[in-house]
Amino acid sequence: QVQLVESGGGLVQAGGALRLSCAASGRTFSSHRMGWFRQAPGKEREFIAAIEWGSIITYYAESVKGRFTIFRDNAKNTIYLQMASLKPEDTAVYYCAAGRILSSTQVAWSSWGQGTQVTVSS
């Protein structure tokens, strides 16, 4: 099991930037993918971005492509989500997740962090 702790959320004005961190502990494998999800009030949790521990492959939702960047520091067992050009619709609780890769398009997301609030004011 992987334990995840997010940090870095907060209040930012539209157009601003914020960086989220996710520190992982426990068992991490090269066959795992790390991801960021978010959930806004009254909406379902949605996928934002993902990266694999064992490669540089990254994945993004269309809604954040070009504005958000996911990257990792293997030495610190930490992944980051650099968010830029933030919009009010990016307001949500952001969650870090870890999962075992089942196929090129499927991941069994099994570990979740507690979430961190990001609020973008207009």
N, C-alpha and C. Protein backbone atom coordinates (compact mmCIF):
# COMPACT_ATOMS: atom_id res chain seq x y z
N GLN A 1 0.84 -1.19 0.00
CA GLN A 1 0.00 0.00 0.00
C GLN A 1 0.89 1.25 0.00
N VAL A 2 0.45 2.23 -0.73
CA VAL A 2 1.18 3.49 -0.82
C VAL A 2 0.43 4.54 -0.02
N GLN A 3 1.15 5.28 0.80
CA GLN A 3 0.55 6.38 1.55
C GLN A 3 0.90 7.69 0.84
N LEU A 4 -0.10 8.56 0.73
CA LEU A 4 0.06 9.80 -0.01
C LEU A 4 -0.37 10.99 0.82
N VAL A 5 0.43 12.04 0.79
CA VAL A 5 0.10 13.27 1.52
C VAL A 5 0.29 14.45 0.58
N GLU A 6 -0.83 15.17 0.33
CA GLU A 6 -0.77 16.33 -0.55
C GLU A 6 -0.50 17.60 0.25
N SER A 7 0.04 18.59 -0.43
CA SER A 7 0.22 19.92 0.16
C SER A 7 0.30 20.93 -0.97
N GLY A 8 0.16 22.22 -0.60
CA GLY A 8 0.35 23.28 -1.58
C GLY A 8 -0.91 23.96 -2.06
N GLY A 9 -2.06 23.51 -1.61
CA GLY A 9 -3.28 24.17 -2.03
C GLY A 9 -3.41 25.55 -1.42
N GLY A 10 -4.40 26.30 -1.88
CA GLY A 10 -4.62 27.63 -1.33
C GLY A 10 -5.51 28.47 -2.22
N LEU A 11 -5.52 29.76 -1.95
CA LEU A 11 -6.33 30.72 -2.69
C LEU A 11 -5.43 31.51 -3.63
N VAL A 12 -5.85 31.61 -4.87
CA VAL A 12 -5.07 32.33 -5.88
C VAL A 12 -6.02 33.06 -6.82
N GLN A 13 -5.57 34.15 -7.36
CA GLN A 13 -6.39 34.90 -8.31
C GLN A 13 -6.35 34.25 -9.69
N ALA A 14 -7.37 34.48 -10.45
CA ALA A 14 -7.41 33.97 -11.82
C ALA A 14 -6.19 34.46 -12.59
N GLY A 15 -5.60 33.54 -13.36
CA GLY A 15 -4.39 33.86 -14.09
C GLY A 15 -3.13 33.54 -13.33
N GLY A 16 -3.28 33.23 -12.06
CA GLY A 16 -2.12 32.94 -11.22
C GLY A 16 -1.66 31.50 -11.34
N ALA A 17 -0.69 31.16 -10.50
CA ALA A 17 -0.08 29.83 -10.53
C ALA A 17 -0.01 29.25 -9.12
N LEU A 18 0.05 27.94 -9.07
CA LEU A 18 0.14 27.23 -7.80
C LEU A 18 0.81 25.89 -8.06
N ARG A 19 1.57 25.39 -7.09
CA ARG A 19 2.19 24.08 -7.23
C ARG A 19 1.73 23.19 -6.09
N LEU A 20 1.21 22.04 -6.46
CA LEU A 20 0.82 21.03 -5.49
C LEU A 20 1.90 19.95 -5.40
N SER A 21 2.06 19.43 -4.19
CA SER A 21 3.02 18.35 -3.97
C SER A 21 2.30 17.13 -3.40
N CYS A 22 2.83 15.98 -3.70
CA CYS A 22 2.30 14.73 -3.18
C CYS A 22 3.47 13.84 -2.78
N ALA A 23 3.64 13.68 -1.48
CA ALA A 23 4.72 12.84 -0.97
C ALA A 23 4.21 11.41 -0.79
N ALA A 24 4.92 10.47 -1.39
CA ALA A 24 4.53 9.06 -1.33
C ALA A 24 5.45 8.30 -0.39
N SER A 25 4.87 7.41 0.37
CA SER A 25 5.65 6.53 1.23
C SER A 25 5.06 5.13 1.15
N GLY A 26 5.79 4.17 1.67
CA GLY A 26 5.35 2.79 1.57
C GLY A 26 5.95 2.18 0.31
N ARG A 27 5.24 1.28 -0.29
CA ARG A 27 5.75 0.57 -1.44
C ARG A 27 5.40 1.32 -2.73
N THR A 28 6.40 1.71 -3.48
CA THR A 28 6.18 2.31 -4.79
C THR A 28 6.89 1.45 -5.83
N PHE A 29 6.27 1.22 -6.96
CA PHE A 29 6.78 0.34 -7.98
C PHE A 29 6.87 1.05 -9.31
N SER A 30 7.79 0.58 -10.14
CA SER A 30 7.91 1.15 -11.47
C SER A 30 6.68 0.86 -12.30
N SER A 31 5.89 -0.15 -11.89
CA SER A 31 4.68 -0.49 -12.63
C SER A 31 3.48 0.35 -12.19
N HIS A 32 3.72 1.30 -11.30
CA HIS A 32 2.64 2.16 -10.83
C HIS A 32 2.60 3.48 -11.58
N ARG A 33 1.40 4.00 -11.65
CA ARG A 33 1.19 5.32 -12.20
C ARG A 33 0.70 6.22 -11.08
N MET A 34 1.20 7.46 -11.05
CA MET A 34 0.77 8.44 -10.07
C MET A 34 -0.08 9.48 -10.77
N GLY A 35 -1.14 9.90 -10.11
CA GLY A 35 -2.03 10.83 -10.78
C GLY A 35 -2.60 11.91 -9.88
N TRP A 36 -3.17 12.90 -10.52
CA TRP A 36 -3.91 13.95 -9.83
C TRP A 36 -5.34 13.94 -10.34
N PHE A 37 -6.26 14.04 -9.41
CA PHE A 37 -7.67 14.15 -9.72
C PHE A 37 -8.19 15.39 -8.99
N ARG A 38 -9.37 15.82 -9.36
CA ARG A 38 -10.00 16.93 -8.62
C ARG A 38 -11.50 16.71 -8.57
N GLN A 39 -12.10 17.31 -7.55
CA GLN A 39 -13.55 17.22 -7.40
C GLN A 39 -14.07 18.57 -6.95
N ALA A 40 -14.92 19.15 -7.78
CA ALA A 40 -15.56 20.43 -7.46
C ALA A 40 -16.89 20.14 -6.78
N PRO A 41 -17.42 21.09 -6.03
CA PRO A 41 -18.69 20.88 -5.33
C PRO A 41 -19.80 20.50 -6.31
N GLY A 42 -20.50 19.42 -5.99
CA GLY A 42 -21.61 18.98 -6.81
C GLY A 42 -21.21 18.24 -8.07
N LYS A 43 -19.92 17.99 -8.25
CA LYS A 43 -19.46 17.31 -9.47
C LYS A 43 -18.72 16.03 -9.11
N GLU A 44 -18.57 15.17 -10.10
CA GLU A 44 -17.84 13.94 -9.89
C GLU A 44 -16.33 14.22 -9.92
N ARG A 45 -15.61 13.31 -9.29
CA ARG A 45 -14.16 13.42 -9.33
C ARG A 45 -13.68 13.19 -10.76
N GLU A 46 -12.76 14.03 -11.22
CA GLU A 46 -12.28 13.91 -12.59
C GLU A 46 -10.76 13.78 -12.63
N PHE A 47 -10.30 13.06 -13.61
CA PHE A 47 -8.87 12.88 -13.84
C PHE A 47 -8.27 14.17 -14.38
N ILE A 48 -7.05 14.50 -13.88
CA ILE A 48 -6.36 15.70 -14.33
C ILE A 48 -5.08 15.37 -15.05
N ALA A 49 -4.22 14.60 -14.41
CA ALA A 49 -2.92 14.31 -14.98
C ALA A 49 -2.33 13.07 -14.32
N ALA A 50 -1.39 12.43 -15.02
CA ALA A 50 -0.74 11.25 -14.46
C ALA A 50 0.67 11.12 -15.02
N ILE A 51 1.49 10.41 -14.27
CA ILE A 51 2.86 10.15 -14.67
C ILE A 51 3.26 8.78 -14.12
N GLU A 52 4.17 8.11 -14.80
CA GLU A 52 4.60 6.79 -14.36
C GLU A 52 5.93 6.90 -13.62
N TRP A 53 6.07 6.08 -12.57
CA TRP A 53 7.31 6.10 -11.83
C TRP A 53 8.48 5.65 -12.68
N GLY A 54 8.24 4.72 -13.59
CA GLY A 54 9.34 4.12 -14.33
C GLY A 54 9.61 4.71 -15.69
N SER A 55 8.94 5.80 -16.06
CA SER A 55 9.19 6.41 -17.36
C SER A 55 8.85 7.89 -17.28
N ILE A 56 8.99 8.57 -18.39
CA ILE A 56 8.68 10.00 -18.44
C ILE A 56 7.34 10.26 -19.10
N ILE A 57 6.59 9.19 -19.31
CA ILE A 57 5.29 9.35 -19.98
C ILE A 57 4.33 10.08 -19.07
N THR A 58 3.65 11.07 -19.62
CA THR A 58 2.65 11.82 -18.88
C THR A 58 1.32 11.83 -19.63
N TYR A 59 0.27 12.07 -18.88
CA TYR A 59 -1.08 12.08 -19.42
C TYR A 59 -1.80 13.30 -18.85
N TYR A 60 -2.63 13.93 -19.66
CA TYR A 60 -3.36 15.11 -19.21
C TYR A 60 -4.80 15.09 -19.71
N ALA A 61 -5.68 15.65 -18.91
CA ALA A 61 -7.03 15.91 -19.38
C ALA A 61 -6.99 17.11 -20.31
N GLU A 62 -7.89 17.12 -21.27
CA GLU A 62 -7.91 18.22 -22.24
C GLU A 62 -8.11 19.57 -21.57
N SER A 63 -8.85 19.57 -20.48
CA SER A 63 -9.18 20.83 -19.81
C SER A 63 -7.96 21.52 -19.19
N VAL A 64 -6.88 20.78 -18.97
CA VAL A 64 -5.71 21.38 -18.32
C VAL A 64 -4.46 21.31 -19.19
N LYS A 65 -4.56 20.66 -20.32
CA LYS A 65 -3.39 20.50 -21.19
C LYS A 65 -2.85 21.88 -21.60
N GLY A 66 -1.54 22.05 -21.46
CA GLY A 66 -0.93 23.34 -21.79
C GLY A 66 -0.87 24.31 -20.63
N ARG A 67 -1.64 24.03 -19.57
CA ARG A 67 -1.64 24.91 -18.39
C ARG A 67 -1.04 24.22 -17.16
N PHE A 68 -1.25 22.92 -17.05
CA PHE A 68 -0.76 22.15 -15.91
C PHE A 68 0.37 21.24 -16.36
N THR A 69 1.32 21.02 -15.45
CA THR A 69 2.44 20.12 -15.72
C THR A 69 2.64 19.20 -14.53
N ILE A 70 2.69 17.91 -14.80
CA ILE A 70 2.96 16.93 -13.76
C ILE A 70 4.40 16.48 -13.89
N PHE A 71 5.10 16.40 -12.78
CA PHE A 71 6.48 15.92 -12.81
C PHE A 71 6.81 15.29 -11.47
N ARG A 72 7.91 14.60 -11.39
CA ARG A 72 8.23 13.89 -10.16
C ARG A 72 9.69 14.05 -9.79
N ASP A 73 9.98 13.82 -8.52
CA ASP A 73 11.34 13.78 -8.00
C ASP A 73 11.49 12.41 -7.35
N ASN A 74 12.14 11.49 -8.05
CA ASN A 74 12.25 10.13 -7.54
C ASN A 74 13.02 10.06 -6.22
N ALA A 75 14.01 10.93 -6.08
CA ALA A 75 14.82 10.90 -4.86
C ALA A 75 13.98 11.25 -3.64
N LYS A 76 12.96 12.08 -3.84
CA LYS A 76 12.09 12.50 -2.73
C LYS A 76 10.78 11.73 -2.70
N ASN A 77 10.61 10.80 -3.65
CA ASN A 77 9.34 10.07 -3.74
C ASN A 77 8.15 11.04 -3.75
N THR A 78 8.28 12.07 -4.53
CA THR A 78 7.26 13.12 -4.56
C THR A 78 6.89 13.46 -6.00
N ILE A 79 5.60 13.65 -6.22
CA ILE A 79 5.15 14.15 -7.51
C ILE A 79 4.56 15.53 -7.31
N TYR A 80 4.55 16.30 -8.36
CA TYR A 80 4.10 17.68 -8.30
C TYR A 80 3.10 17.95 -9.41
N LEU A 81 2.27 18.92 -9.17
CA LEU A 81 1.37 19.43 -10.20
C LEU A 81 1.58 20.94 -10.23
N GLN A 82 2.25 21.40 -11.27
CA GLN A 82 2.44 22.83 -11.46
C GLN A 82 1.27 23.36 -12.28
N MET A 83 0.52 24.28 -11.68
CA MET A 83 -0.67 24.81 -12.32
C MET A 83 -0.45 26.27 -12.67
N ALA A 84 -0.74 26.63 -13.91
CA ALA A 84 -0.58 28.01 -14.35
C ALA A 84 -1.85 28.45 -15.07
N SER A 85 -1.96 29.75 -15.28
CA SER A 85 -3.13 30.33 -15.96
C SER A 85 -4.41 29.79 -15.34
N LEU A 86 -4.47 29.81 -14.03
CA LEU A 86 -5.61 29.23 -13.33
C LEU A 86 -6.89 30.00 -13.60
N LYS A 87 -7.98 29.24 -13.64
CA LYS A 87 -9.30 29.80 -13.90
C LYS A 87 -10.21 29.49 -12.72
N PRO A 88 -11.27 30.28 -12.55
CA PRO A 88 -12.20 29.97 -11.45
C PRO A 88 -12.76 28.56 -11.53
N GLU A 89 -12.92 28.03 -12.73
CA GLU A 89 -13.44 26.66 -12.87
C GLU A 89 -12.44 25.60 -12.46
N ASP A 90 -11.21 25.99 -12.14
CA ASP A 90 -10.23 25.03 -11.61
C ASP A 90 -10.42 24.85 -10.11
N THR A 91 -11.30 25.62 -9.51
CA THR A 91 -11.56 25.50 -8.07
C THR A 91 -12.10 24.11 -7.74
N ALA A 92 -11.43 23.43 -6.82
CA ALA A 92 -11.81 22.07 -6.47
C ALA A 92 -10.90 21.58 -5.35
N VAL A 93 -11.25 20.42 -4.82
CA VAL A 93 -10.33 19.69 -3.96
C VAL A 93 -9.50 18.79 -4.87
N TYR A 94 -8.20 18.88 -4.75
CA TYR A 94 -7.29 18.12 -5.60
C TYR A 94 -6.75 16.93 -4.81
N TYR A 95 -6.79 15.77 -5.44
CA TYR A 95 -6.36 14.53 -4.81
C TYR A 95 -5.20 13.91 -5.59
N CYS A 96 -4.27 13.39 -4.84
CA CYS A 96 -3.18 12.60 -5.41
C CYS A 96 -3.59 11.12 -5.32
N ALA A 97 -3.20 10.34 -6.31
CA ALA A 97 -3.56 8.92 -6.31
C ALA A 97 -2.42 8.09 -6.88
N ALA A 98 -2.41 6.84 -6.47
CA ALA A 98 -1.44 5.88 -7.00
C ALA A 98 -2.18 4.62 -7.41
N GLY A 99 -1.74 4.03 -8.51
CA GLY A 99 -2.42 2.83 -8.98
C GLY A 99 -1.53 1.95 -9.83
N ARG A 100 -1.89 0.71 -9.88
CA ARG A 100 -1.16 -0.27 -10.68
C ARG A 100 -1.63 -0.19 -12.13
N ILE A 101 -0.69 -0.20 -13.04
CA ILE A 101 -1.02 -0.10 -14.46
C ILE A 101 -1.53 -1.45 -14.94
N LEU A 102 -2.73 -1.47 -15.49
CA LEU A 102 -3.34 -2.68 -16.02
C LEU A 102 -3.14 -2.79 -17.52
N SER A 103 -3.20 -1.68 -18.21
CA SER A 103 -2.98 -1.62 -19.65
C SER A 103 -2.61 -0.19 -19.99
N SER A 104 -2.46 0.10 -21.25
CA SER A 104 -2.08 1.45 -21.66
C SER A 104 -3.16 2.46 -21.32
N THR A 105 -4.39 1.99 -21.14
CA THR A 105 -5.49 2.91 -20.87
C THR A 105 -6.18 2.66 -19.53
N GLN A 106 -5.76 1.66 -18.80
CA GLN A 106 -6.43 1.32 -17.54
C GLN A 106 -5.47 1.30 -16.38
N VAL A 107 -5.89 1.93 -15.29
CA VAL A 107 -5.12 1.95 -14.06
C VAL A 107 -6.04 1.60 -12.90
N ALA A 108 -5.59 0.75 -12.03
CA ALA A 108 -6.36 0.42 -10.82
C ALA A 108 -5.92 1.39 -9.73
N TRP A 109 -6.62 2.52 -9.65
CA TRP A 109 -6.27 3.52 -8.65
C TRP A 109 -6.68 2.99 -7.28
N SER A 110 -5.70 2.79 -6.41
CA SER A 110 -5.99 2.12 -5.14
C SER A 110 -5.59 2.92 -3.91
N SER A 111 -4.75 3.91 -4.07
CA SER A 111 -4.31 4.71 -2.92
C SER A 111 -4.63 6.17 -3.21
N TRP A 112 -5.17 6.84 -2.18
CA TRP A 112 -5.57 8.24 -2.34
C TRP A 112 -5.07 9.07 -1.18
N GLY A 113 -4.74 10.32 -1.48
CA GLY A 113 -4.40 11.25 -0.43
C GLY A 113 -5.66 11.86 0.16
N GLN A 114 -5.48 12.74 1.12
CA GLN A 114 -6.62 13.32 1.83
C GLN A 114 -7.22 14.51 1.07
N GLY A 115 -6.52 15.01 0.09
CA GLY A 115 -7.02 16.13 -0.71
C GLY A 115 -6.53 17.47 -0.21
N THR A 116 -6.41 18.41 -1.12
CA THR A 116 -6.01 19.77 -0.77
C THR A 116 -6.85 20.75 -1.59
N GLN A 117 -7.37 21.77 -0.93
CA GLN A 117 -8.30 22.71 -1.57
C GLN A 117 -7.54 23.74 -2.40
N VAL A 118 -8.01 23.91 -3.62
CA VAL A 118 -7.52 24.98 -4.49
C VAL A 118 -8.72 25.87 -4.84
N THR A 119 -8.59 27.15 -4.54
CA THR A 119 -9.66 28.10 -4.84
C THR A 119 -9.09 29.21 -5.71
N VAL A 120 -9.73 29.41 -6.86
CA VAL A 120 -9.30 30.44 -7.80
C VAL A 120 -10.38 31.53 -7.84
N SER A 121 -10.00 32.71 -7.45
CA SER A 121 -10.96 33.82 -7.42
C SER A 121 -10.91 34.59 -8.74
N SER A 122 -12.07 35.11 -9.12
CA SER A 122 -12.15 35.85 -10.39
C SER A 122 -11.87 37.32 -10.21
